[in-house]
C-alpha atoms as a PDB file:
ATOM      1  CA  MET A   1      14.751 -30.633  -9.983  1.00  0.00           C
ATOM      2  CA  LYS A   2      11.388 -32.355  -9.125  1.00  0.00           C
ATOM      3  CA  HIS A   3      10.624 -34.119  -6.003  1.00  0.00           C
ATOM      4  CA  LEU A   4       8.112 -37.181  -5.889  1.00  0.00           C
ATOM      5  CA  PHE A   5       7.283 -38.496  -2.275  1.00  0.00           C
ATOM      6  CA  ILE A   6       5.659 -41.970  -2.202  1.00  0.00           C
ATOM      7  CA  ILE A   7       3.997 -42.508   1.177  1.00  0.00           C
ATOM      8  CA  ASN A   8       2.958 -45.959   2.369  1.00  0.00           C
ATOM      9  CA  PRO A   9       0.327 -45.254   4.989  1.00  0.00           C
ATOM     10  CA  HIS A  10       0.813 -48.879   6.306  1.00  0.00           C
ATOM     11  CA  SER A  11       3.911 -47.717   7.659  1.00  0.00           C
ATOM     12  CA  PHE A  12       2.036 -45.459  10.027  1.00  0.00           C
ATOM     13  CA  ILE A  13      -0.157 -46.307  12.919  1.00  0.00           C
ATOM     14  CA  THR A  14      -2.688 -43.520  12.197  1.00  0.00           C
ATOM     15  CA  ASN A  15      -3.977 -41.341   9.287  1.00  0.00           C
ATOM     16  CA  ASP A  16      -3.167 -38.205  11.370  1.00  0.00           C
ATOM     17  CA  SER A  17       0.539 -39.235  11.328  1.00  0.00           C
ATOM     18  CA  VAL A  18       0.365 -39.667   7.420  1.00  0.00           C
ATOM     19  CA  LYS A  19      -1.172 -36.102   7.302  1.00  0.00           C
ATOM     20  CA  GLN A  20       1.703 -34.808   9.689  1.00  0.00           C
ATOM     21  CA  VAL A  21       4.361 -35.972   7.492  1.00  0.00           C
ATOM     22  CA  SER A  22       2.636 -34.626   4.312  1.00  0.00           C
ATOM     23  CA  ARG A  23       2.352 -31.263   6.193  1.00  0.00           C
ATOM     24  CA  GLU A  24       6.208 -31.517   6.995  1.00  0.00           C
ATOM     25  CA  ILE A  25       7.043 -32.222   3.300  1.00  0.00           C
ATOM     26  CA  ARG A  26       4.794 -29.393   1.986  1.00  0.00           C
ATOM     27  CA  ALA A  27       6.562 -26.913   4.523  1.00  0.00           C
ATOM     28  CA  CYS A  28       9.955 -27.498   2.837  1.00  0.00           C
ATOM     29  CA  PHE A  29       8.977 -26.154  -0.446  1.00  0.00           C
ATOM     30  CA  PRO A  30       8.188 -22.421  -0.257  1.00  0.00           C
ATOM     31  CA  SER A  31       5.517 -20.555  -2.137  1.00  0.00           C
ATOM     32  CA  GLY A  32       6.452 -20.588  -5.810  1.00  0.00           C
ATOM     33  CA  SER A  33       8.128 -23.984  -5.865  1.00  0.00           C
ATOM     34  CA  GLU A  34       4.891 -26.091  -4.854  1.00  0.00           C
ATOM     35  CA  HIS A  35       5.023 -27.371  -8.528  1.00  0.00           C
ATOM     36  CA  ASP A  36       8.410 -28.993  -7.796  1.00  0.00           C
ATOM     37  CA  CYS A  37       6.845 -31.378  -5.116  1.00  0.00           C
ATOM     38  CA  GLU A  38       4.342 -34.156  -5.649  1.00  0.00           C
ATOM     39  CA  ILE A  39       2.964 -36.393  -2.801  1.00  0.00           C
ATOM     40  CA  TYR A  40       1.473 -39.865  -3.560  1.00  0.00           C
ATOM     41  CA  ILE A  41      -0.272 -41.931  -1.131  1.00  0.00           C
ATOM     42  CA  SER A  42       0.076 -45.544  -2.197  1.00  0.00           C
ATOM     43  CA  ARG A  43      -2.835 -47.893  -2.181  1.00  0.00           C
ATOM     44  CA  TYR A  44      -1.274 -51.407  -2.270  1.00  0.00           C
ATOM     45  CA  THR A  45       1.869 -53.118  -3.033  1.00  0.00           C
ATOM     46  CA  ARG A  46       3.618 -52.135  -6.332  1.00  0.00           C
ATOM     47  CA  ASP A  47       0.897 -49.440  -6.916  1.00  0.00           C
ATOM     48  CA  ALA A  48       3.743 -46.655  -6.791  1.00  0.00           C
ATOM     49  CA  ILE A  49       5.665 -48.239  -9.712  1.00  0.00           C
ATOM     50  CA  SER A  50       3.388 -47.050 -12.477  1.00  0.00           C
ATOM     51  CA  VAL A  51       2.904 -43.719 -10.644  1.00  0.00           C
ATOM     52  CA  ILE A  52       6.620 -43.133 -10.806  1.00  0.00           C
ATOM     53  CA  HIS A  53       6.883 -44.093 -14.368  1.00  0.00           C
ATOM     54  CA  ARG A  54       4.205 -41.572 -15.459  1.00  0.00           C
ATOM     55  CA  TYR A  55       5.658 -38.884 -13.238  1.00  0.00           C
ATOM     56  CA  ILE A  56       9.225 -39.098 -14.588  1.00  0.00           C
ATOM     57  CA  LYS A  57       8.000 -39.475 -18.067  1.00  0.00           C
ATOM     58  CA  GLY A  58       6.110 -36.143 -17.546  1.00  0.00           C
ATOM     59  CA  VAL A  59       9.217 -33.888 -16.545  1.00  0.00           C
ATOM     60  CA  SER A  60      11.395 -32.116 -18.969  1.00  0.00           C
ATOM     61  CA  PRO A  61      13.998 -34.267 -20.728  1.00  0.00           C
ATOM     62  CA  GLY A  62      17.210 -34.576 -18.588  1.00  0.00           C
ATOM     63  CA  GLU A  63      15.509 -32.902 -15.491  1.00  0.00           C
ATOM     64  CA  THR A  64      16.539 -34.690 -12.284  1.00  0.00           C
ATOM     65  CA  VAL A  65      13.659 -36.410 -10.337  1.00  0.00           C
ATOM     66  CA  ARG A  66      14.235 -37.474  -6.771  1.00  0.00           C
ATOM     67  CA  VAL A  67      11.986 -40.253  -5.487  1.00  0.00           C
ATOM     68  CA  TYR A  68      11.702 -40.487  -1.801  1.00  0.00           C
ATOM     69  CA  ALA A  69      10.226 -43.867  -0.337  1.00  0.00           C
ATOM     70  CA  VAL A  70       8.279 -42.741   2.818  1.00  0.00           C
ATOM     71  CA  GLY A  71       8.012 -46.020   4.686  1.00  0.00           C
ATOM     72  CA  GLY A  72       9.897 -49.318   5.160  1.00  0.00           C
ATOM     73  CA  GLY A  73      11.751 -51.919   3.030  1.00  0.00           C
ATOM     74  CA  GLY A  74       8.706 -52.846   0.834  1.00  0.00           C
ATOM     75  CA  THR A  75       8.184 -48.946  -0.045  1.00  0.00           C
ATOM     76  CA  LEU A  76      11.723 -48.867  -1.015  1.00  0.00           C
ATOM     77  CA  PHE A  77      11.254 -51.882  -3.156  1.00  0.00           C
ATOM     78  CA  ASP A  78       8.484 -50.285  -4.935  1.00  0.00           C
ATOM     79  CA  CYS A  79      10.219 -47.034  -5.693  1.00  0.00           C
ATOM     80  CA  LEU A  80      13.310 -48.777  -6.857  1.00  0.00           C
ATOM     81  CA  ASN A  81      11.348 -50.653  -9.337  1.00  0.00           C
ATOM     82  CA  GLY A  82       9.478 -47.549 -10.380  1.00  0.00           C
ATOM     83  CA  MET A  83      12.682 -45.423 -11.080  1.00  0.00           C
ATOM     84  CA  VAL A  84      15.548 -47.778 -12.031  1.00  0.00           C
ATOM     85  CA  ASP A  85      15.096 -47.530 -15.795  1.00  0.00           C
ATOM     86  CA  PHE A  86      15.440 -43.804 -15.702  1.00  0.00           C
ATOM     87  CA  PRO A  87      18.834 -42.233 -15.488  1.00  0.00           C
ATOM     88  CA  ASN A  88      17.538 -38.896 -14.461  1.00  0.00           C
ATOM     89  CA  ALA A  89      15.889 -40.331 -11.314  1.00  0.00           C
ATOM     90  CA  GLU A  90      17.527 -40.688  -7.888  1.00  0.00           C
ATOM     91  CA  LEU A  91      16.173 -42.501  -4.991  1.00  0.00           C
ATOM     92  CA  THR A  92      16.338 -42.263  -0.956  1.00  0.00           C
ATOM     93  CA  CYS A  93      14.458 -43.751   2.024  1.00  0.00           C
ATOM     94  CA  VAL A  94      12.525 -41.741   4.562  1.00  0.00           C
ATOM     95  CA  PRO A  95      12.379 -44.488   7.127  1.00  0.00           C
ATOM     96  CA  TYR A  96       9.028 -45.296   9.000  1.00  0.00           C
ATOM     97  CA  GLY A  97       7.286 -48.508   9.713  1.00  0.00           C
ATOM     98  CA  ASN A  98       8.395 -52.083  10.948  1.00  0.00           C
ATOM     99  CA  ALA A  99      11.743 -52.414   8.814  1.00  0.00           C
ATOM    100  CA  TYR A 100      13.861 -50.136   6.887  1.00  0.00           C
ATOM    101  CA  ASP A 101      17.206 -52.116   6.951  1.00  0.00           C
ATOM    102  CA  PHE A 102      18.615 -50.403   3.990  1.00  0.00           C
ATOM    103  CA  ALA A 103      18.448 -47.092   5.789  1.00  0.00           C
ATOM    104  CA  LEU A 104      20.247 -48.336   8.612  1.00  0.00           C
ATOM    105  CA  THR A 105      23.330 -49.305   6.462  1.00  0.00           C
ATOM    106  CA  PHE A 106      24.214 -45.667   7.089  1.00  0.00           C
ATOM    107  CA  GLY A 107      24.181 -46.291  10.901  1.00  0.00           C
ATOM    108  CA  LYS A 108      21.575 -47.157  13.375  1.00  0.00           C
ATOM    109  CA  ASP A 109      21.397 -43.545  14.488  1.00  0.00           C
ATOM    110  CA  SER A 110      20.903 -42.260  11.118  1.00  0.00           C
ATOM    111  CA  VAL A 111      17.089 -42.527  11.123  1.00  0.00           C
ATOM    112  CA  PRO A 112      16.308 -38.932  12.409  1.00  0.00           C
ATOM    113  CA  ALA A 113      18.580 -37.440   9.649  1.00  0.00           C
ATOM    114  CA  PHE A 114      16.728 -39.202   6.933  1.00  0.00           C
ATOM    115  CA  ARG A 115      13.353 -38.177   8.344  1.00  0.00           C
ATOM    116  CA  ASN A 116      14.306 -34.446   8.049  1.00  0.00           C
ATOM    117  CA  ILE A 117      13.241 -33.672   4.532  1.00  0.00           C
ATOM    118  CA  LYS A 118      15.255 -30.563   4.600  1.00  0.00           C
ATOM    119  CA  ASN A 119      18.461 -32.686   4.928  1.00  0.00           C
ATOM    120  CA  LEU A 120      17.475 -34.602   1.724  1.00  0.00           C
ATOM    121  CA  ILE A 121      16.359 -31.926  -0.641  1.00  0.00           C
ATOM    122  CA  ASN A 122      19.770 -30.855  -1.929  1.00  0.00           C
ATOM    123  CA  ALA A 123      21.720 -33.686  -0.412  1.00  0.00           C
ATOM    124  CA  PRO A 124      24.515 -35.346  -2.471  1.00  0.00           C
ATOM    125  CA  SER A 125      23.714 -38.488  -4.232  1.00  0.00           C
ATOM    126  CA  ARG A 126      26.194 -41.559  -5.039  1.00  0.00           C
ATOM    127  CA  PRO A 127      26.198 -44.571  -7.389  1.00  0.00           C
ATOM    128  CA  VAL A 128      24.889 -47.582  -5.294  1.00  0.00           C
ATOM    129  CA  ASP A 129      24.684 -51.238  -6.248  1.00  0.00           C
ATOM    130  CA  ILE A 130      21.341 -53.028  -6.707  1.00  0.00           C
ATOM    131  CA  ILE A 131      20.309 -56.690  -7.206  1.00  0.00           C
ATOM    132  CA  ASN A 132      18.674 -57.755 -10.271  1.00  0.00           C
ATOM    133  CA  TYR A 133      16.172 -60.656 -10.398  1.00  0.00           C
ATOM    134  CA  GLY A 134      14.497 -60.953 -13.808  1.00  0.00           C
ATOM    135  CA  ALA A 135      12.316 -57.873 -14.310  1.00  0.00           C
ATOM    136  CA  ASN A 136      12.752 -57.031 -10.535  1.00  0.00           C
ATOM    137  CA  TYR A 137      15.318 -55.021  -8.567  1.00  0.00           C
ATOM    138  CA  ALA A 138      16.172 -55.210  -4.879  1.00  0.00           C
ATOM    139  CA  MET A 139      18.267 -52.828  -2.579  1.00  0.00           C
ATOM    140  CA  ASN A 140      18.989 -54.995   0.136  1.00  0.00           C
ATOM    141  CA  GLU A 141      18.898 -58.784   0.286  1.00  0.00           C
ATOM    142  CA  ALA A 142      17.269 -62.005  -0.722  1.00  0.00           C
ATOM    143  CA  ASN A 143      16.818 -65.310   1.347  1.00  0.00           C
ATOM    144  CA  ILE A 144      16.068 -68.757  -0.113  1.00  0.00           C
ATOM    145  CA  GLY A 145      15.038 -71.476   2.272  1.00  0.00           C
ATOM    146  CA  LEU A 146      14.155 -71.117   6.023  1.00  0.00           C
ATOM    147  CA  ILE A 147      13.967 -67.338   6.137  1.00  0.00           C
ATOM    148  CA  GLY A 148      12.231 -67.306   2.866  1.00  0.00           C
ATOM    149  CA  GLN A 149       9.444 -69.525   4.342  1.00  0.00           C
ATOM    150  CA  VAL A 150       9.265 -67.495   7.562  1.00  0.00           C
ATOM    151  CA  VAL A 151       8.406 -64.360   5.637  1.00  0.00           C
ATOM    152  CA  ILE A 152       5.923 -66.399   3.420  1.00  0.00           C
ATOM    153  CA  PHE A 153       4.192 -67.471   6.804  1.00  0.00           C
ATOM    154  CA  ALA A 154       4.431 -64.081   8.269  1.00  0.00           C
ATOM    155  CA  ASN A 155       3.378 -61.734   5.629  1.00  0.00           C
ATOM    156  CA  PRO A 156      -0.356 -62.752   5.254  1.00  0.00           C
ATOM    157  CA  ILE A 157      -0.712 -62.527   9.001  1.00  0.00           C
ATOM    158  CA  LEU A 158       0.901 -58.908   9.249  1.00  0.00           C
ATOM    159  CA  ARG A 159      -1.268 -57.778   6.243  1.00  0.00           C
ATOM    160  CA  SER A 160      -4.596 -58.968   7.600  1.00  0.00           C
ATOM    161  CA  ILE A 161      -4.600 -57.525  11.106  1.00  0.00           C
ATOM    162  CA  ASP A 162      -4.650 -54.008  12.499  1.00  0.00           C
ATOM    163  CA  LYS A 163      -1.847 -51.855  12.131  1.00  0.00           C
ATOM    164  CA  ARG A 164      -1.488 -51.199  15.707  1.00  0.00           C
ATOM    165  CA  ILE A 165      -1.504 -54.835  16.548  1.00  0.00           C
ATOM    166  CA  ALA A 166       0.955 -55.736  13.776  1.00  0.00           C
ATOM    167  CA  ARG A 167       3.433 -53.036  15.135  1.00  0.00           C
ATOM    168  CA  ARG A 168       3.115 -54.272  18.560  1.00  0.00           C
ATOM    169  CA  PHE A 169       3.559 -57.855  17.952  1.00  0.00           C
ATOM    170  CA  VAL A 170       5.715 -58.072  14.758  1.00  0.00           C
ATOM    171  CA  ARG A 171       8.567 -59.888  16.411  1.00  0.00           C
ATOM    172  CA  LEU A 172       6.236 -62.522  17.985  1.00  0.00           C
ATOM    173  CA  ILE A 173       4.564 -63.062  14.541  1.00  0.00           C
ATOM    174  CA  TYR A 174       7.921 -63.812  13.125  1.00  0.00           C
ATOM    175  CA  ASN A 175       9.064 -65.940  15.954  1.00  0.00           C
ATOM    176  CA  ILE A 176       5.969 -68.223  15.676  1.00  0.00           C
ATOM    177  CA  SER A 177       6.599 -68.129  11.764  1.00  0.00           C
ATOM    178  CA  ALA A 178      10.099 -69.196  12.396  1.00  0.00           C
ATOM    179  CA  LEU A 179       9.120 -72.197  14.511  1.00  0.00           C
ATOM    180  CA  ARG A 180       6.503 -73.218  11.936  1.00  0.00           C
ATOM    181  CA  ALA A 181       9.158 -73.011   9.296  1.00  0.00           C
ATOM    182  CA  LEU A 182      11.584 -75.097  11.261  1.00  0.00           C
ATOM    183  CA  PHE A 183       9.231 -77.851  11.206  1.00  0.00           C
ATOM    184  CA  THR A 184       8.349 -77.791   7.549  1.00  0.00           C
ATOM    185  CA  LYS A 185      10.471 -80.880   6.722  1.00  0.00           C
ATOM    186  CA  GLU A 186      10.914 -80.032   3.007  1.00  0.00           C
ATOM    187  CA  ILE A 187      13.034 -76.792   3.884  1.00  0.00           C
ATOM    188  CA  ILE A 188      15.714 -77.779   6.297  1.00  0.00           C
ATOM    189  CA  GLY A 189      18.573 -79.484   4.483  1.00  0.00           C
ATOM    190  CA  GLN A 190      16.933 -79.043   0.959  1.00  0.00           C
ATOM    191  CA  HIS A 191      19.311 -79.853  -1.684  1.00  0.00           C
ATOM    192  CA  TYR A 192      20.039 -76.781  -4.168  1.00  0.00           C
ATOM    193  CA  THR A 193      22.124 -76.802  -7.498  1.00  0.00           C
ATOM    194  CA  ILE A 194      24.028 -73.490  -7.370  1.00  0.00           C
ATOM    195  CA  LEU A 195      26.408 -71.646  -9.625  1.00  0.00           C
ATOM    196  CA  MET A 196      28.237 -68.774  -8.259  1.00  0.00           C
ATOM    197  CA  ASP A 197      30.173 -66.780 -11.065  1.00  0.00           C
ATOM    198  CA  GLY A 198      30.159 -70.148 -12.822  1.00  0.00           C
ATOM    199  CA  GLU A 199      31.532 -72.153  -9.799  1.00  0.00           C
ATOM    200  CA  ASP A 200      29.702 -75.060  -8.424  1.00  0.00           C
ATOM    201  CA  GLU A 201      28.351 -74.450  -4.934  1.00  0.00           C
ATOM    202  CA  SER A 202      25.778 -77.212  -4.922  1.00  0.00           C
ATOM    203  CA  GLY A 203      24.530 -78.847  -1.641  1.00  0.00           C
ATOM    204  CA  CYS A 204      22.203 -79.219   1.136  1.00  0.00           C
ATOM    205  CA  TYR A 205      21.460 -75.935   2.904  1.00  0.00           C
ATOM    206  CA  SER A 206      18.761 -74.813   5.476  1.00  0.00           C
ATOM    207  CA  ASN A 207      19.062 -71.128   4.210  1.00  0.00           C
ATOM    208  CA  ILE A 208      20.986 -69.167   1.584  1.00  0.00           C
ATOM    209  CA  HIS A 209      21.264 -65.367   2.581  1.00  0.00           C
ATOM    210  CA  ILE A 210      22.309 -63.229  -0.320  1.00  0.00           C
ATOM    211  CA  SER A 211      22.963 -59.577   0.735  1.00  0.00           C
ATOM    212  CA  ASN A 212      23.901 -56.104  -0.755  1.00  0.00           C
ATOM    213  CA  GLY A 213      23.335 -54.383   2.635  1.00  0.00           C
ATOM    214  CA  ALA A 214      24.722 -55.634   5.981  1.00  0.00           C
ATOM    215  CA  LEU A 215      21.476 -55.520   7.936  1.00  0.00           C
ATOM    216  CA  THR A 216      18.261 -57.449   8.056  1.00  0.00           C
ATOM    217  CA  GLY A 217      14.995 -58.219  10.020  1.00  0.00           C
ATOM    218  CA  SER A 218      14.628 -54.746  11.516  1.00  0.00           C
ATOM    219  CA  GLY A 219      18.383 -54.235  12.434  1.00  0.00           C
ATOM    220  CA  MET A 220      19.881 -57.802  12.821  1.00  0.00           C
ATOM    221  CA  LEU A 221      23.571 -57.616  11.512  1.00  0.00           C
ATOM    222  CA  ALA A 222      23.363 -60.986   9.313  1.00  0.00           C
ATOM    223  CA  SER A 223      25.953 -60.036   6.753  1.00  0.00           C
ATOM    224  CA  PRO A 224      28.816 -57.782   8.447  1.00  0.00           C
ATOM    225  CA  TYR A 225      31.085 -57.773   5.326  1.00  0.00           C
ATOM    226  CA  ALA A 226      28.391 -56.542   2.954  1.00  0.00           C
ATOM    227  CA  VAL A 227      28.732 -52.979   1.698  1.00  0.00           C
ATOM    228  CA  PRO A 228      26.226 -51.636  -0.969  1.00  0.00           C
ATOM    229  CA  ASP A 229      28.838 -50.024  -3.247  1.00  0.00           C
ATOM    230  CA  ASP A 230      31.530 -52.668  -3.347  1.00  0.00           C
ATOM    231  CA  GLY A 231      30.285 -54.542  -6.606  1.00  0.00           C
ATOM    232  CA  LYS A 232      29.695 -57.835  -4.789  1.00  0.00           C
ATOM    233  CA  LEU A 233      27.069 -59.879  -3.413  1.00  0.00           C
ATOM    234  CA  ASP A 234      27.726 -61.476  -0.039  1.00  0.00           C
ATOM    235  CA  VAL A 235      26.422 -64.937   0.236  1.00  0.00           C
ATOM    236  CA  LEU A 236      25.869 -66.842   3.648  1.00  0.00           C
ATOM    237  CA  PHE A 237      25.080 -70.520   3.494  1.00  0.00           C
ATOM    238  CA  ALA A 238      23.525 -72.416   6.481  1.00  0.00           C
ATOM    239  CA  CYS A 239      25.151 -75.868   5.952  1.00  0.00           C
ATOM    240  CA  THR A 240      23.116 -77.814   8.653  1.00  0.00           C
ATOM    241  CA  ASP A 241      20.034 -79.739   8.846  1.00  0.00           C
ATOM    242  CA  SER A 242      19.998 -79.526  12.667  1.00  0.00           C
ATOM    243  CA  LYS A 243      17.107 -77.472  14.078  1.00  0.00           C
ATOM    244  CA  LEU A 244      18.852 -77.188  17.361  1.00  0.00           C
ATOM    245  CA  ASP A 245      22.139 -75.991  15.664  1.00  0.00           C
ATOM    246  CA  ILE A 246      19.958 -73.025  13.977  1.00  0.00           C
ATOM    247  CA  ILE A 247      18.261 -72.010  17.329  1.00  0.00           C
ATOM    248  CA  ARG A 248      21.556 -72.124  19.206  1.00  0.00           C
ATOM    249  CA  SER A 249      23.227 -69.904  16.550  1.00  0.00           C
ATOM    250  CA  MET A 250      20.692 -67.340  16.149  1.00  0.00           C
ATOM    251  CA  PRO A 251      21.742 -64.836  19.070  1.00  0.00           C
ATOM    252  CA  ASN A 252      25.317 -64.603  17.616  1.00  0.00           C
ATOM    253  CA  TYR A 253      24.089 -64.700  13.961  1.00  0.00           C
ATOM    254  CA  GLU A 254      21.987 -61.765  14.655  1.00  0.00           C
ATOM    255  CA  LYS A 255      25.145 -59.855  15.827  1.00  0.00           C
ATOM    256  CA  GLY A 256      27.253 -60.611  12.823  1.00  0.00           C
ATOM    257  CA  LEU A 257      28.995 -63.467  14.631  1.00  0.00           C
ATOM    258  CA  PHE A 258      28.179 -66.313  12.304  1.00  0.00           C
ATOM    259  CA  GLU A 259      31.763 -67.456  12.047  1.00  0.00           C
ATOM    260  CA  LYS A 260      31.561 -68.835  15.478  1.00  0.00           C
ATOM    261  CA  TYR A 261      29.885 -71.830  13.953  1.00  0.00           C
ATOM    262  CA  LYS A 262      31.521 -74.262  11.538  1.00  0.00           C
ATOM    263  CA  PHE A 263      28.264 -74.834   9.790  1.00  0.00           C
ATOM    264  CA  TYR A 264      28.068 -71.401   8.190  1.00  0.00           C
ATOM    265  CA  LYS A 265      29.906 -70.654   4.951  1.00  0.00           C
ATOM    266  CA  HIS A 266      30.697 -67.161   3.609  1.00  0.00           C
ATOM    267  CA  LYS A 267      31.228 -66.405  -0.128  1.00  0.00           C
ATOM    268  CA  ARG A 268      31.338 -63.386  -2.320  1.00  0.00           C
ATOM    269  CA  CYS A 269      30.064 -63.248  -6.037  1.00  0.00           C
ATOM    270  CA  GLN A 270      28.492 -61.109  -8.757  1.00  0.00           C
ATOM    271  CA  THR A 271      26.105 -63.596  -9.971  1.00  0.00           C
ATOM    272  CA  ILE A 272      24.354 -66.590  -8.188  1.00  0.00           C
ATOM    273  CA  GLU A 273      21.925 -69.104  -9.758  1.00  0.00           C
ATOM    274  CA  VAL A 274      19.739 -71.407  -7.639  1.00  0.00           C
ATOM    275  CA  LYS A 275      17.580 -74.186  -8.577  1.00  0.00           C
ATOM    276  CA  SER A 276      16.011 -77.309  -6.851  1.00  0.00           C
ATOM    277  CA  ASP A 277      13.837 -80.202  -7.407  1.00  0.00           C
ATOM    278  CA  CYS A 278      11.453 -78.725  -4.765  1.00  0.00           C
ATOM    279  CA  PRO A 279      10.175 -75.167  -4.761  1.00  0.00           C
ATOM    280  CA  LEU A 280      12.409 -72.513  -3.701  1.00  0.00           C
ATOM    281  CA  ARG A 281      10.995 -70.351  -0.877  1.00  0.00           C
ATOM    282  CA  VAL A 282      12.200 -66.923  -1.745  1.00  0.00           C
ATOM    283  CA  GLU A 283      12.348 -63.517   0.259  1.00  0.00           C
ATOM    284  CA  LEU A 284      13.419 -60.614  -1.763  1.00  0.00           C
ATOM    285  CA  ASP A 285      13.540 -57.187   0.199  1.00  0.00           C
ATOM    286  CA  GLY A 286      10.317 -58.201   2.169  1.00  0.00           C
ATOM    287  CA  GLU A 287       8.441 -59.677  -0.915  1.00  0.00           C
ATOM    288  CA  SER A 288       7.973 -63.440  -0.649  1.00  0.00           C
ATOM    289  CA  PHE A 289       7.195 -66.106  -3.144  1.00  0.00           C
ATOM    290  CA  TYR A 290       7.793 -69.652  -4.527  1.00  0.00           C
ATOM    291  CA  ALA A 291      10.163 -70.304  -7.578  1.00  0.00           C
ATOM    292  CA  GLN A 292      11.743 -73.306  -9.341  1.00  0.00           C
ATOM    293  CA  ASP A 293      14.833 -71.406  -9.983  1.00  0.00           C
ATOM    294  CA  ILE A 294      16.214 -67.929  -9.339  1.00  0.00           C
ATOM    295  CA  LYS A 295      19.229 -65.990 -10.704  1.00  0.00           C
ATOM    296  CA  LEU A 296      20.213 -62.929  -8.788  1.00  0.00           C
ATOM    297  CA  GLU A 297      23.055 -60.501 -10.142  1.00  0.00           C
ATOM    298  CA  ILE A 298      24.667 -57.538  -8.682  1.00  0.00           C
ATOM    299  CA  ILE A 299      24.503 -54.394 -10.794  1.00  0.00           C
ATOM    300  CA  PRO A 300      27.192 -51.970  -9.575  1.00  0.00           C
ATOM    301  CA  GLY A 301      26.280 -48.479  -9.540  1.00  0.00           C
ATOM    302  CA  GLY A 302      22.756 -49.457 -10.712  1.00  0.00           C
ATOM    303  CA  ILE A 303      21.165 -46.322  -9.215  1.00  0.00           C
ATOM    304  CA  ARG A 304      22.111 -42.960  -7.696  1.00  0.00           C
ATOM    305  CA  TYR A 305      20.895 -42.784  -4.010  1.00  0.00           C
ATOM    306  CA  PHE A 306      20.897 -39.409  -2.085  1.00  0.00           C
ATOM    307  CA  ALA A 307      21.583 -39.123   1.730  1.00  0.00           C
ATOM    308  CA  PRO A 308      22.190 -36.275   4.262  1.00  0.00           C
ATOM    309  CA  GLU A 309      25.468 -34.353   3.685  1.00  0.00           C
ATOM    310  CA  GLY A 310      28.413 -36.177   5.467  1.00  0.00           C
ATOM    311  CA  MET A 311      26.625 -39.566   5.655  1.00  0.00           C
ATOM    312  CA  GLY A 312      28.093 -42.575   4.043  1.00  0.00           C
ATOM    313  CA  PHE A 313      27.776 -46.468   4.345  1.00  0.00           C
ATOM    314  CA  LEU A 314      28.964 -47.927   7.557  1.00  0.00           C
ATOM    315  CA  ASN A 315      31.528 -50.805   7.250  1.00  0.00           C
ATOM    316  CA  TYR A 316      30.343 -53.288   9.800  1.00  0.00           C
ATOM    317  CA  SER A 317      33.205 -55.812   9.116  1.00  0.00           C
ATOM    318  CA  HIS A 318      34.835 -54.858  12.434  1.00  0.00           C
ATOM    319  CA  ARG A 319      31.960 -56.327  14.253  1.00  0.00           C
ATOM    320  CA  ALA A 320      32.365 -59.922  12.688  1.00  0.00           C
ATOM    321  CA  TYR A 321      34.079 -62.739  14.702  1.00  0.00           C
ATOM    322  CA  ARG A 322      37.525 -63.242  13.580  1.00  0.00           C
ATOM    323  CA  LYS A 323      38.692 -66.633  13.897  1.00  0.00           C
ATOM    324  CA  LYS A 324      42.363 -66.013  13.872  1.00  0.00           C
ATOM    325  CA  GLU A 325      41.964 -63.088  16.537  1.00  0.00           C
ATOM    326  CA  ALA A 326      39.832 -65.384  18.695  1.00  0.00           C
ATOM    327  CA  ALA A 327      42.405 -68.193  18.633  1.00  0.00           C
ATOM    328  CA  LYS A 328      45.120 -65.671  20.047  1.00  0.00           C
END
């Protein structure tokens, strides 16, 4: 078995922290097995994809390669897209940085266990669903509309400022970006032509949240019914053009209590196709871009994901707001 560690230096405040993590990784491979471990410090977004390709192609046929995304959601996105086409590759996240929501699907107290490399080297793996979008794949989520525009506004700011400032003020930057997006008139109530497993769900929505994992935005429980191995996408439509409705609902929305509000609509599917006369504002596991149309599909058991012994995905559905129970 080979082990490839992709470290995103932007997930750490100082270079000393990067060096410390590298030393901790090396210490897990005793003398004589050093050749089984490779560490690569990524230089920019998507840099790791070609590195992973070359590494896996260079091992003996059929030998298992474990890919460790040492960073946040963006690092995991790159590593997924690097290993997804190789049946002998397995993936995990060693969570660092501002946001690592997929790691939190194992529980918000799971981070220390995933940062302990010894827990991962021989950890069991399991099949996990992934989201396909053309030539790209995602582990956790996509947003179309308001939240997509928020990320489009926020990402250039976060990438242009000092890491210490970005880490300290990340929530403020997203809040300012959210206010700016709310007052972008083309977004709120944009009309979308939508097919979900062939059924028409077209309409005017302020945001469409499509999830494989339950958490988003550094731990917000936006999709409490989503589980990453159930073969389904969970889709949450915000069916309102009222800025006040959106603002008022956010504290409960972040806790998985969207069902308190009539203007949220929850559906499940395997495939969703979205297009609009106006550009789509899209966020895909932290990547942000504009598109004219988009097709997302769940790939059941698309990769193997390894996690510390005894750890499994949490089902957050008990945290959701149950209308029938609330009426009792």
